[in-house]
Amino acid sequence: MKKVLIAISFALLMLVQVANAQAVQEAKEAKKEMKAEKKMHKAQEKREDVSDKNRVKIPLISDDKTKLAEARRKEKKAVKKEMKGAAKEKKAEAKMVTKKADRVGN
């Protein structure tokens, strides 16, 4: 009887662990997407700041070229974050397929 209870508890623990791992992957993916959106928003703000001609100008800081360069950098980082989010999603899908294949193989 003890062995049956231990086996059942072990099986339940494994199921919870798989579900938890999937949730963690989805959370990481969502976090990457949110960071990418935030970076794109910051880049858009920089571009709008460049087009605003009524601002107080500080040499070397509020230079239009500097602002545009910052906007481009932020956009590149945002694209990287989006790619990382997509990679996390693909990785999670691959893990699930592998686990299903392992279950069918056993």
PDB file of N, CA and C in Angstrom:
ATOM      1  N   MET A   1       0.815  -1.193   0.000  1.00  0.00           N
ATOM      2  CA  MET A   1       0.000   0.000   0.000  1.00  0.00           C
ATOM      3  C   MET A   1       0.864   1.265   0.000  1.00  0.00           C
ATOM      4  N   LYS A   2       1.932   1.228   0.788  1.00  0.00           N
ATOM      5  CA  LYS A   2       2.827   2.380   0.831  1.00  0.00           C
ATOM      6  C   LYS A   2       3.451   2.649  -0.539  1.00  0.00           C
ATOM      7  N   LYS A   3       3.833   1.573  -1.201  1.00  0.00           N
ATOM      8  CA  LYS A   3       4.475   1.730  -2.509  1.00  0.00           C
ATOM      9  C   LYS A   3       3.516   2.346  -3.522  1.00  0.00           C
ATOM     10  N   VAL A   4       2.254   1.970  -3.462  1.00  0.00           N
ATOM     11  CA  VAL A   4       1.264   2.523  -4.374  1.00  0.00           C
ATOM     12  C   VAL A   4       1.084   4.015  -4.106  1.00  0.00           C
ATOM     13  N   LEU A   5       0.995   4.393  -2.851  1.00  0.00           N
ATOM     14  CA  LEU A   5       0.846   5.811  -2.497  1.00  0.00           C
ATOM     15  C   LEU A   5       2.070   6.616  -2.924  1.00  0.00           C
ATOM     16  N   ILE A   6       3.240   6.063  -2.744  1.00  0.00           N
ATOM     17  CA  ILE A   6       4.469   6.745  -3.153  1.00  0.00           C
ATOM     18  C   ILE A   6       4.496   6.907  -4.668  1.00  0.00           C
ATOM     19  N   ALA A   7       4.108   5.872  -5.400  1.00  0.00           N
ATOM     20  CA  ALA A   7       4.090   5.932  -6.862  1.00  0.00           C
ATOM     21  C   ALA A   7       3.084   6.975  -7.354  1.00  0.00           C
ATOM     22  N   ILE A   8       1.913   7.002  -6.725  1.00  0.00           N
ATOM     23  CA  ILE A   8       0.895   7.979  -7.122  1.00  0.00           C
ATOM     24  C   ILE A   8       1.369   9.396  -6.833  1.00  0.00           C
ATOM     25  N   SER A   9       1.949   9.599  -5.668  1.00  0.00           N
ATOM     26  CA  SER A   9       2.429  10.943  -5.321  1.00  0.00           C
ATOM     27  C   SER A   9       3.560  11.370  -6.253  1.00  0.00           C
ATOM     28  N   PHE A  10       4.420  10.436  -6.624  1.00  0.00           N
ATOM     29  CA  PHE A  10       5.500  10.739  -7.563  1.00  0.00           C
ATOM     30  C   PHE A  10       4.939  11.122  -8.925  1.00  0.00           C
ATOM     31  N   ALA A  11       3.928  10.395  -9.389  1.00  0.00           N
ATOM     32  CA  ALA A  11       3.301  10.695 -10.685  1.00  0.00           C
ATOM     33  C   ALA A  11       2.655  12.078 -10.663  1.00  0.00           C
ATOM     34  N   LEU A  12       1.961  12.394  -9.576  1.00  0.00           N
ATOM     35  CA  LEU A  12       1.346  13.716  -9.453  1.00  0.00           C
ATOM     36  C   LEU A  12       2.403  14.817  -9.434  1.00  0.00           C
ATOM     37  N   LEU A  13       3.492  14.560  -8.741  1.00  0.00           N
ATOM     38  CA  LEU A  13       4.580  15.524  -8.683  1.00  0.00           C
ATOM     39  C   LEU A  13       5.145  15.774 -10.081  1.00  0.00           C
ATOM     40  N   MET A  14       5.308  14.734 -10.870  1.00  0.00           N
ATOM     41  CA  MET A  14       5.828  14.884 -12.234  1.00  0.00           C
ATOM     42  C   MET A  14       4.867  15.699 -13.103  1.00  0.00           C
ATOM     43  N   LEU A  15       3.562  15.458 -12.960  1.00  0.00           N
ATOM     44  CA  LEU A  15       2.581  16.214 -13.739  1.00  0.00           C
ATOM     45  C   LEU A  15       2.595  17.695 -13.363  1.00  0.00           C
ATOM     46  N   VAL A  16       2.707  17.977 -12.088  1.00  0.00           N
ATOM     47  CA  VAL A  16       2.758  19.364 -11.628  1.00  0.00           C
ATOM     48  C   VAL A  16       4.021  20.036 -12.141  1.00  0.00           C
ATOM     49  N   GLN A  17       5.112  19.308 -12.142  1.00  0.00           N
ATOM     50  CA  GLN A  17       6.380  19.872 -12.605  1.00  0.00           C
ATOM     51  C   GLN A  17       6.312  20.225 -14.090  1.00  0.00           C
ATOM     52  N   VAL A  18       5.695  19.378 -14.897  1.00  0.00           N
ATOM     53  CA  VAL A  18       5.559  19.648 -16.335  1.00  0.00           C
ATOM     54  C   VAL A  18       4.696  20.890 -16.556  1.00  0.00           C
ATOM     55  N   ALA A  19       3.583  20.973 -15.829  1.00  0.00           N
ATOM     56  CA  ALA A  19       2.699  22.133 -15.969  1.00  0.00           C
ATOM     57  C   ALA A  19       3.409  23.405 -15.513  1.00  0.00           C
ATOM     58  N   ASN A  20       4.175  23.315 -14.447  1.00  0.00           N
ATOM     59  CA  ASN A  20       4.915  24.473 -13.941  1.00  0.00           C
ATOM     60  C   ASN A  20       5.967  24.924 -14.951  1.00  0.00           C
ATOM     61  N   ALA A  21       6.664  23.995 -15.555  1.00  0.00           N
ATOM     62  CA  ALA A  21       7.688  24.335 -16.545  1.00  0.00           C
ATOM     63  C   ALA A  21       7.066  25.048 -17.740  1.00  0.00           C
ATOM     64  N   GLN A  22       5.902  24.578 -18.172  1.00  0.00           N
ATOM     65  CA  GLN A  22       5.209  25.212 -19.295  1.00  0.00           C
ATOM     66  C   GLN A  22       4.797  26.633 -18.921  1.00  0.00           C
ATOM     67  N   ALA A  23       4.300  26.813 -17.713  1.00  0.00           N
ATOM     68  CA  ALA A  23       3.883  28.147 -17.262  1.00  0.00           C
ATOM     69  C   ALA A  23       5.076  29.095 -17.189  1.00  0.00           C
ATOM     70  N   VAL A  24       6.209  28.581 -16.747  1.00  0.00           N
ATOM     71  CA  VAL A  24       7.422  29.403 -16.669  1.00  0.00           C
ATOM     72  C   VAL A  24       7.847  29.842 -18.071  1.00  0.00           C
ATOM     73  N   GLN A  25       7.818  28.944 -19.034  1.00  0.00           N
ATOM     74  CA  GLN A  25       8.181  29.285 -20.408  1.00  0.00           C
ATOM     75  C   GLN A  25       7.251  30.363 -20.970  1.00  0.00           C
ATOM     76  N   GLU A  26       5.956  30.223 -20.709  1.00  0.00           N
ATOM     77  CA  GLU A  26       4.997  31.210 -21.205  1.00  0.00           C
ATOM     78  C   GLU A  26       5.218  32.565 -20.545  1.00  0.00           C
ATOM     79  N   ALA A  27       5.545  32.555 -19.261  1.00  0.00           N
ATOM     80  CA  ALA A  27       5.813  33.814 -18.554  1.00  0.00           C
ATOM     81  C   ALA A  27       7.052  34.492 -19.116  1.00  0.00           C
ATOM     82  N   LYS A  28       8.094  33.725 -19.409  1.00  0.00           N
ATOM     83  CA  LYS A  28       9.315  34.293 -19.984  1.00  0.00           C
ATOM     84  C   LYS A  28       9.027  34.901 -21.352  1.00  0.00           C
ATOM     85  N   GLU A  29       8.232  34.215 -22.135  1.00  0.00           N
ATOM     86  CA  GLU A  29       7.877  34.707 -23.463  1.00  0.00           C
ATOM     87  C   GLU A  29       7.104  36.021 -23.350  1.00  0.00           C
ATOM     88  N   ALA A  30       6.137  36.067 -22.447  1.00  0.00           N
ATOM     89  CA  ALA A  30       5.345  37.280 -22.263  1.00  0.00           C
ATOM     90  C   ALA A  30       6.215  38.440 -21.784  1.00  0.00           C
ATOM     91  N   LYS A  31       7.161  38.145 -20.921  1.00  0.00           N
ATOM     92  CA  LYS A  31       8.064  39.184 -20.410  1.00  0.00           C
ATOM     93  C   LYS A  31       8.909  39.756 -21.544  1.00  0.00           C
ATOM     94  N   LYS A  32       9.432  38.902 -22.413  1.00  0.00           N
ATOM     95  CA  LYS A  32      10.227  39.374 -23.548  1.00  0.00           C
ATOM     96  C   LYS A  32       9.384  40.256 -24.466  1.00  0.00           C
ATOM     97  N   GLU A  33       8.142  39.855 -24.699  1.00  0.00           N
ATOM     98  CA  GLU A  33       7.273  40.640 -25.562  1.00  0.00           C
ATOM     99  C   GLU A  33       6.975  42.005 -24.943  1.00  0.00           C
ATOM    100  N   MET A  34       6.742  42.037 -23.635  1.00  0.00           N
ATOM    101  CA  MET A  34       6.476  43.309 -22.969  1.00  0.00           C
ATOM    102  C   MET A  34       7.689  44.228 -23.036  1.00  0.00           C
ATOM    103  N   LYS A  35       8.878  43.659 -22.867  1.00  0.00           N
ATOM    104  CA  LYS A  35      10.096  44.467 -22.956  1.00  0.00           C
ATOM    105  C   LYS A  35      10.263  45.025 -24.369  1.00  0.00           C
ATOM    106  N   ALA A  36       9.954  44.213 -25.355  1.00  0.00           N
ATOM    107  CA  ALA A  36      10.066  44.676 -26.748  1.00  0.00           C
ATOM    108  C   ALA A  36       9.095  45.818 -27.012  1.00  0.00           C
ATOM    109  N   GLU A  37       7.870  45.677 -26.530  1.00  0.00           N
ATOM    110  CA  GLU A  37       6.891  46.745 -26.717  1.00  0.00           C
ATOM    111  C   GLU A  37       7.339  48.028 -26.024  1.00  0.00           C
ATOM    112  N   LYS A  38       7.910  47.888 -24.849  1.00  0.00           N
ATOM    113  CA  LYS A  38       8.383  49.053 -24.100  1.00  0.00           C
ATOM    114  C   LYS A  38       9.503  49.761 -24.864  1.00  0.00           C
ATOM    115  N   LYS A  39      10.418  48.990 -25.429  1.00  0.00           N
ATOM    116  CA  LYS A  39      11.522  49.578 -26.181  1.00  0.00           C
ATOM    117  C   LYS A  39      11.013  50.272 -27.443  1.00  0.00           C
ATOM    118  N   MET A  40      10.043  49.690 -28.110  1.00  0.00           N
ATOM    119  CA  MET A  40       9.484  50.327 -29.299  1.00  0.00           C
ATOM    120  C   MET A  40       8.788  51.638 -28.922  1.00  0.00           C
ATOM    121  N   HIS A  41       8.117  51.648 -27.783  1.00  0.00           N
ATOM    122  CA  HIS A  41       7.464  52.865 -27.314  1.00  0.00           C
ATOM    123  C   HIS A  41       8.504  53.951 -27.018  1.00  0.00           C
ATOM    124  N   LYS A  42       9.597  53.581 -26.369  1.00  0.00           N
ATOM    125  CA  LYS A  42      10.672  54.540 -26.071  1.00  0.00           C
ATOM    126  C   LYS A  42      11.269  55.093 -27.371  1.00  0.00           C
ATOM    127  N   ALA A  43      11.470  54.214 -28.343  1.00  0.00           N
ATOM    128  CA  ALA A  43      12.022  54.651 -29.628  1.00  0.00           C
ATOM    129  C   ALA A  43      11.067  55.627 -30.313  1.00  0.00           C
ATOM    130  N   GLN A  44       9.784  55.343 -30.233  1.00  0.00           N
ATOM    131  CA  GLN A  44       8.794  56.239 -30.826  1.00  0.00           C
ATOM    132  C   GLN A  44       8.823  57.603 -30.124  1.00  0.00           C
ATOM    133  N   GLU A  45       8.977  57.594 -28.808  1.00  0.00           N
ATOM    134  CA  GLU A  45       9.083  58.856 -28.075  1.00  0.00           C
ATOM    135  C   GLU A  45      10.302  59.656 -28.523  1.00  0.00           C
ATOM    136  N   LYS A  46      11.419  58.967 -28.732  1.00  0.00           N
ATOM    137  CA  LYS A  46      12.632  59.654 -29.196  1.00  0.00           C
ATOM    138  C   LYS A  46      12.407  60.283 -30.563  1.00  0.00           C
ATOM    139  N   ARG A  47      11.749  59.533 -31.447  1.00  0.00           N
ATOM    140  CA  ARG A  47      11.480  60.060 -32.785  1.00  0.00           C
ATOM    141  C   ARG A  47      10.544  61.272 -32.720  1.00  0.00           C
ATOM    142  N   GLU A  48       9.547  61.210 -31.845  1.00  0.00           N
ATOM    143  CA  GLU A  48       8.642  62.344 -31.692  1.00  0.00           C
ATOM    144  C   GLU A  48       9.391  63.552 -31.116  1.00  0.00           C
ATOM    145  N   ASP A  49      10.311  63.294 -30.215  1.00  0.00           N
ATOM    146  CA  ASP A  49      11.095  64.374 -29.614  1.00  0.00           C
ATOM    147  C   ASP A  49      11.949  65.070 -30.667  1.00  0.00           C
ATOM    148  N   VAL A  50      12.451  64.298 -31.621  1.00  0.00           N
ATOM    149  CA  VAL A  50      13.250  64.885 -32.704  1.00  0.00           C
ATOM    150  C   VAL A  50      12.380  65.794 -33.560  1.00  0.00           C
ATOM    151  N   SER A  51      11.151  65.370 -33.819  1.00  0.00           N
ATOM    152  CA  SER A  51      10.285  66.169 -34.685  1.00  0.00           C
ATOM    153  C   SER A  51       9.697  67.389 -33.966  1.00  0.00           C
ATOM    154  N   ASP A  52       9.763  67.402 -32.639  1.00  0.00           N
ATOM    155  CA  ASP A  52       9.265  68.543 -31.865  1.00  0.00           C
ATOM    156  C   ASP A  52      10.322  69.641 -31.866  1.00  0.00           C
ATOM    157  N   LYS A  53      10.024  70.732 -32.506  1.00  0.00           N
ATOM    158  CA  LYS A  53      11.004  71.817 -32.638  1.00  0.00           C
ATOM    159  C   LYS A  53      10.903  72.856 -31.515  1.00  0.00           C
ATOM    160  N   ASN A  54       9.936  72.733 -30.621  1.00  0.00           N
ATOM    161  CA  ASN A  54       9.728  73.711 -29.559  1.00  0.00           C
ATOM    162  C   ASN A  54      10.386  73.306 -28.238  1.00  0.00           C
ATOM    163  N   ARG A  55      11.260  72.337 -28.264  1.00  0.00           N
ATOM    164  CA  ARG A  55      11.871  71.866 -27.025  1.00  0.00           C
ATOM    165  C   ARG A  55      13.090  72.714 -26.661  1.00  0.00           C
ATOM    166  N   VAL A  56      13.515  72.615 -25.416  1.00  0.00           N
ATOM    167  CA  VAL A  56      14.741  73.282 -24.970  1.00  0.00           C
ATOM    168  C   VAL A  56      15.908  72.453 -25.480  1.00  0.00           C
ATOM    169  N   LYS A  57      16.836  73.080 -26.144  1.00  0.00           N
ATOM    170  CA  LYS A  57      17.952  72.340 -26.738  1.00  0.00           C
ATOM    171  C   LYS A  57      19.182  72.412 -25.854  1.00  0.00           C
ATOM    172  N   ILE A  58      19.767  71.254 -25.611  1.00  0.00           N
ATOM    173  CA  ILE A  58      21.009  71.140 -24.853  1.00  0.00           C
ATOM    174  C   ILE A  58      22.032  70.553 -25.816  1.00  0.00           C
ATOM    175  N   PRO A  59      23.142  71.230 -26.029  1.00  0.00           N
ATOM    176  CA  PRO A  59      24.138  70.732 -26.995  1.00  0.00           C
ATOM    177  C   PRO A  59      24.599  69.311 -26.659  1.00  0.00           C
ATOM    178  N   LEU A  60      24.755  68.499 -27.669  1.00  0.00           N
ATOM    179  CA  LEU A  60      25.223  67.111 -27.609  1.00  0.00           C
ATOM    180  C   LEU A  60      24.232  66.158 -26.959  1.00  0.00           C
ATOM    181  N   ILE A  61      23.226  66.670 -26.289  1.00  0.00           N
ATOM    182  CA  ILE A  61      22.232  65.789 -25.683  1.00  0.00           C
ATOM    183  C   ILE A  61      20.954  65.818 -26.502  1.00  0.00           C
ATOM    184  N   SER A  62      20.514  67.015 -26.892  1.00  0.00           N
ATOM    185  CA  SER A  62      19.278  67.116 -27.650  1.00  0.00           C
ATOM    186  C   SER A  62      19.522  67.283 -29.142  1.00  0.00           C
ATOM    187  N   ASP A  63      20.684  66.932 -29.580  1.00  0.00           N
ATOM    188  CA  ASP A  63      20.990  66.960 -31.010  1.00  0.00           C
ATOM    189  C   ASP A  63      20.095  65.949 -31.727  1.00  0.00           C
ATOM    190  N   ASP A  64      19.552  66.347 -32.879  1.00  0.00           N
ATOM    191  CA  ASP A  64      18.637  65.479 -33.617  1.00  0.00           C
ATOM    192  C   ASP A  64      19.287  64.164 -34.016  1.00  0.00           C
ATOM    193  N   LYS A  65      20.539  64.227 -34.439  1.00  0.00           N
ATOM    194  CA  LYS A  65      21.236  62.999 -34.850  1.00  0.00           C
ATOM    195  C   LYS A  65      21.394  62.048 -33.664  1.00  0.00           C
ATOM    196  N   THR A  66      21.695  62.605 -32.505  1.00  0.00           N
ATOM    197  CA  THR A  66      21.846  61.780 -31.303  1.00  0.00           C
ATOM    198  C   THR A  66      20.521  61.129 -30.946  1.00  0.00           C
ATOM    199  N   LYS A  67      19.444  61.880 -30.991  1.00  0.00           N
ATOM    200  CA  LYS A  67      18.115  61.345 -30.674  1.00  0.00           C
ATOM    201  C   LYS A  67      17.713  60.244 -31.655  1.00  0.00           C
ATOM    202  N   LEU A  68      17.987  60.473 -32.934  1.00  0.00           N
ATOM    203  CA  LEU A  68      17.650  59.448 -33.931  1.00  0.00           C
ATOM    204  C   LEU A  68      18.492  58.195 -33.737  1.00  0.00           C
ATOM    205  N   ALA A  69      19.760  58.384 -33.399  1.00  0.00           N
ATOM    206  CA  ALA A  69      20.629  57.226 -33.152  1.00  0.00           C
ATOM    207  C   ALA A  69      20.116  56.433 -31.953  1.00  0.00           C
ATOM    208  N   GLU A  70      19.687  57.129 -30.898  1.00  0.00           N
ATOM    209  CA  GLU A  70      19.125  56.449 -29.733  1.00  0.00           C
ATOM    210  C   GLU A  70      17.851  55.702 -30.112  1.00  0.00           C
ATOM    211  N   ALA A  71      17.025  56.318 -30.928  1.00  0.00           N
ATOM    212  CA  ALA A  71      15.779  55.671 -31.364  1.00  0.00           C
ATOM    213  C   ALA A  71      16.089  54.405 -32.158  1.00  0.00           C
ATOM    214  N   ARG A  72      17.064  54.488 -33.047  1.00  0.00           N
ATOM    215  CA  ARG A  72      17.443  53.298 -33.843  1.00  0.00           C
ATOM    216  C   ARG A  72      17.969  52.177 -32.947  1.00  0.00           C
ATOM    217  N   ARG A  73      18.789  52.541 -31.962  1.00  0.00           N
ATOM    218  CA  ARG A  73      19.315  51.532 -31.036  1.00  0.00           C
ATOM    219  C   ARG A  73      18.185  50.860 -30.264  1.00  0.00           C
ATOM    220  N   LYS A  74      17.243  51.656 -29.804  1.00  0.00           N
ATOM    221  CA  LYS A  74      16.118  51.101 -29.053  1.00  0.00           C
ATOM    222  C   LYS A  74      15.269  50.187 -29.942  1.00  0.00           C
ATOM    223  N   GLU A  75      15.093  50.569 -31.193  1.00  0.00           N
ATOM    224  CA  GLU A  75      14.328  49.724 -32.101  1.00  0.00           C
ATOM    225  C   GLU A  75      15.048  48.402 -32.362  1.00  0.00           C
ATOM    226  N   LYS A  76      16.365  48.454 -32.516  1.00  0.00           N
ATOM    227  CA  LYS A  76      17.129  47.216 -32.720  1.00  0.00           C
ATOM    228  C   LYS A  76      16.997  46.305 -31.508  1.00  0.00           C
ATOM    229  N   LYS A  77      17.094  46.895 -30.321  1.00  0.00           N
ATOM    230  CA  LYS A  77      16.951  46.091 -29.109  1.00  0.00           C
ATOM    231  C   LYS A  77      15.556  45.507 -29.002  1.00  0.00           C
ATOM    232  N   ALA A  78      14.562  46.269 -29.415  1.00  0.00           N
ATOM    233  CA  ALA A  78      13.185  45.786 -29.378  1.00  0.00           C
ATOM    234  C   ALA A  78      13.003  44.600 -30.315  1.00  0.00           C
ATOM    235  N   VAL A  79      13.596  44.698 -31.488  1.00  0.00           N
ATOM    236  CA  VAL A  79      13.513  43.584 -32.447  1.00  0.00           C
ATOM    237  C   VAL A  79      14.185  42.339 -31.862  1.00  0.00           C
ATOM    238  N   LYS A  80      15.329  42.529 -31.201  1.00  0.00           N
ATOM    239  CA  LYS A  80      16.009  41.400 -30.566  1.00  0.00           C
ATOM    240  C   LYS A  80      15.137  40.776 -29.487  1.00  0.00           C
ATOM    241  N   LYS A  81      14.463  41.612 -28.686  1.00  0.00           N
ATOM    242  CA  LYS A  81      13.591  41.098 -27.629  1.00  0.00           C
ATOM    243  C   LYS A  81      12.432  40.311 -28.236  1.00  0.00           C
ATOM    244  N   GLU A  82      11.872  40.820 -29.330  1.00  0.00           N
ATOM    245  CA  GLU A  82      10.792  40.097 -29.993  1.00  0.00           C
ATOM    246  C   GLU A  82      11.275  38.742 -30.497  1.00  0.00           C
ATOM    247  N   MET A  83      12.479  38.719 -31.054  1.00  0.00           N
ATOM    248  CA  MET A  83      13.041  37.473 -31.557  1.00  0.00           C
ATOM    249  C   MET A  83      13.280  36.496 -30.415  1.00  0.00           C
ATOM    250  N   LYS A  84      13.773  37.012 -29.288  1.00  0.00           N
ATOM    251  CA  LYS A  84      13.997  36.156 -28.134  1.00  0.00           C
ATOM    252  C   LYS A  84      12.682  35.598 -27.608  1.00  0.00           C
ATOM    253  N   GLY A  85      11.643  36.419 -27.611  1.00  0.00           N
ATOM    254  CA  GLY A  85      10.325  35.951 -27.182  1.00  0.00           C
ATOM    255  C   GLY A  85       9.817  34.844 -28.088  1.00  0.00           C
ATOM    256  N   ALA A  86       9.997  35.020 -29.387  1.00  0.00           N
ATOM    257  CA  ALA A  86       9.580  33.994 -30.350  1.00  0.00           C
ATOM    258  C   ALA A  86      10.396  32.718 -30.158  1.00  0.00           C
ATOM    259  N   ALA A  87      11.683  32.886 -29.859  1.00  0.00           N
ATOM    260  CA  ALA A  87      12.537  31.716 -29.631  1.00  0.00           C
ATOM    261  C   ALA A  87      12.091  30.963 -28.386  1.00  0.00           C
ATOM    262  N   LYS A  88      11.719  31.694 -27.341  1.00  0.00           N
ATOM    263  CA  LYS A  88      11.220  31.046 -26.117  1.00  0.00           C
ATOM    264  C   LYS A  88       9.955  30.254 -26.412  1.00  0.00           C
ATOM    265  N   GLU A  89       9.089  30.832 -27.246  1.00  0.00           N
ATOM    266  CA  GLU A  89       7.848  30.147 -27.603  1.00  0.00           C
ATOM    267  C   GLU A  89       8.149  28.861 -28.371  1.00  0.00           C
ATOM    268  N   LYS A  90       9.056  28.945 -29.342  1.00  0.00           N
ATOM    269  CA  LYS A  90       9.425  27.753 -30.120  1.00  0.00           C
ATOM    270  C   LYS A  90      10.061  26.691 -29.225  1.00  0.00           C
ATOM    271  N   LYS A  91      10.876  27.142 -28.280  1.00  0.00           N
ATOM    272  CA  LYS A  91      11.537  26.215 -27.365  1.00  0.00           C
ATOM    273  C   LYS A  91      10.497  25.483 -26.510  1.00  0.00           C
ATOM    274  N   ALA A  92       9.504  26.213 -26.034  1.00  0.00           N
ATOM    275  CA  ALA A  92       8.451  25.605 -25.229  1.00  0.00           C
ATOM    276  C   ALA A  92       7.662  24.588 -26.047  1.00  0.00           C
ATOM    277  N   GLU A  93       7.359  24.951 -27.303  1.00  0.00           N
ATOM    278  CA  GLU A  93       6.637  24.025 -28.182  1.00  0.00           C
ATOM    279  C   GLU A  93       7.468  22.775 -28.441  1.00  0.00           C
ATOM    280  N   ALA A  94       8.758  22.950 -28.666  1.00  0.00           N
ATOM    281  CA  ALA A  94       9.633  21.803 -28.919  1.00  0.00           C
ATOM    282  C   ALA A  94       9.704  20.890 -27.697  1.00  0.00           C
ATOM    283  N   LYS A  95       9.744  21.491 -26.520  1.00  0.00           N
ATOM    284  CA  LYS A  95       9.774  20.680 -25.292  1.00  0.00           C
ATOM    285  C   LYS A  95       8.510  19.844 -25.168  1.00  0.00           C
ATOM    286  N   MET A  96       7.366  20.463 -25.464  1.00  0.00           N
ATOM    287  CA  MET A  96       6.111  19.732 -25.359  1.00  0.00           C
ATOM    288  C   MET A  96       6.057  18.586 -26.365  1.00  0.00           C
ATOM    289  N   VAL A  97       6.520  18.823 -27.569  1.00  0.00           N
ATOM    290  CA  VAL A  97       6.531  17.770 -28.594  1.00  0.00           C
ATOM    291  C   VAL A  97       7.463  16.636 -28.161  1.00  0.00           C
ATOM    292  N   THR A  98       8.615  16.990 -27.621  1.00  0.00           N
ATOM    293  CA  THR A  98       9.568  15.989 -27.164  1.00  0.00           C
ATOM    294  C   THR A  98       8.978  15.161 -26.028  1.00  0.00           C
ATOM    295  N   LYS A  99       8.303  15.832 -25.097  1.00  0.00           N
ATOM    296  CA  LYS A  99       7.712  15.112 -23.975  1.00  0.00           C
ATOM    297  C   LYS A  99       6.604  14.183 -24.444  1.00  0.00           C
ATOM    298  N   LYS A 100       5.807  14.637 -25.418  1.00  0.00           N
ATOM    299  CA  LYS A 100       4.755  13.781 -25.958  1.00  0.00           C
ATOM    300  C   LYS A 100       5.361  12.576 -26.668  1.00  0.00           C
ATOM    301  N   ALA A 101       6.454  12.817 -27.391  1.00  0.00           N
ATOM    302  CA  ALA A 101       7.131  11.707 -28.102  1.00  0.00           C
ATOM    303  C   ALA A 101       7.705  10.717 -27.095  1.00  0.00           C
ATOM    304  N   ASP A 102       8.263  11.222 -26.007  1.00  0.00           N
ATOM    305  CA  ASP A 102       8.814  10.340 -24.980  1.00  0.00           C
ATOM    306  C   ASP A 102       7.705   9.500 -24.343  1.00  0.00           C
ATOM    307  N   ARG A 103       6.551  10.104 -24.113  1.00  0.00           N
ATOM    308  CA  ARG A 103       5.439   9.374 -23.515  1.00  0.00           C
ATOM    309  C   ARG A 103       4.937   8.278 -24.439  1.00  0.00           C
ATOM    310  N   VAL A 104       4.868   8.595 -25.737  1.00  0.00           N
ATOM    311  CA  VAL A 104       4.387   7.617 -26.719  1.00  0.00           C
ATOM    312  C   VAL A 104       5.437   6.501 -26.859  1.00  0.00           C
ATOM    313  N   GLY A 105       6.705   6.862 -26.801  1.00  0.00           N
ATOM    314  CA  GLY A 105       7.783   5.884 -26.946  1.00  0.00           C
ATOM    315  C   GLY A 105       7.874   4.916 -25.778  1.00  0.00           C
ATOM    316  N   ASN A 106       7.477   5.373 -24.611  1.00  0.00           N
ATOM    317  CA  ASN A 106       7.530   4.505 -23.412  1.00  0.00           C
ATOM    318  C   ASN A 106       6.331   3.666 -23.375  1.00  0.00           C
TER     319      ASN A 106
END
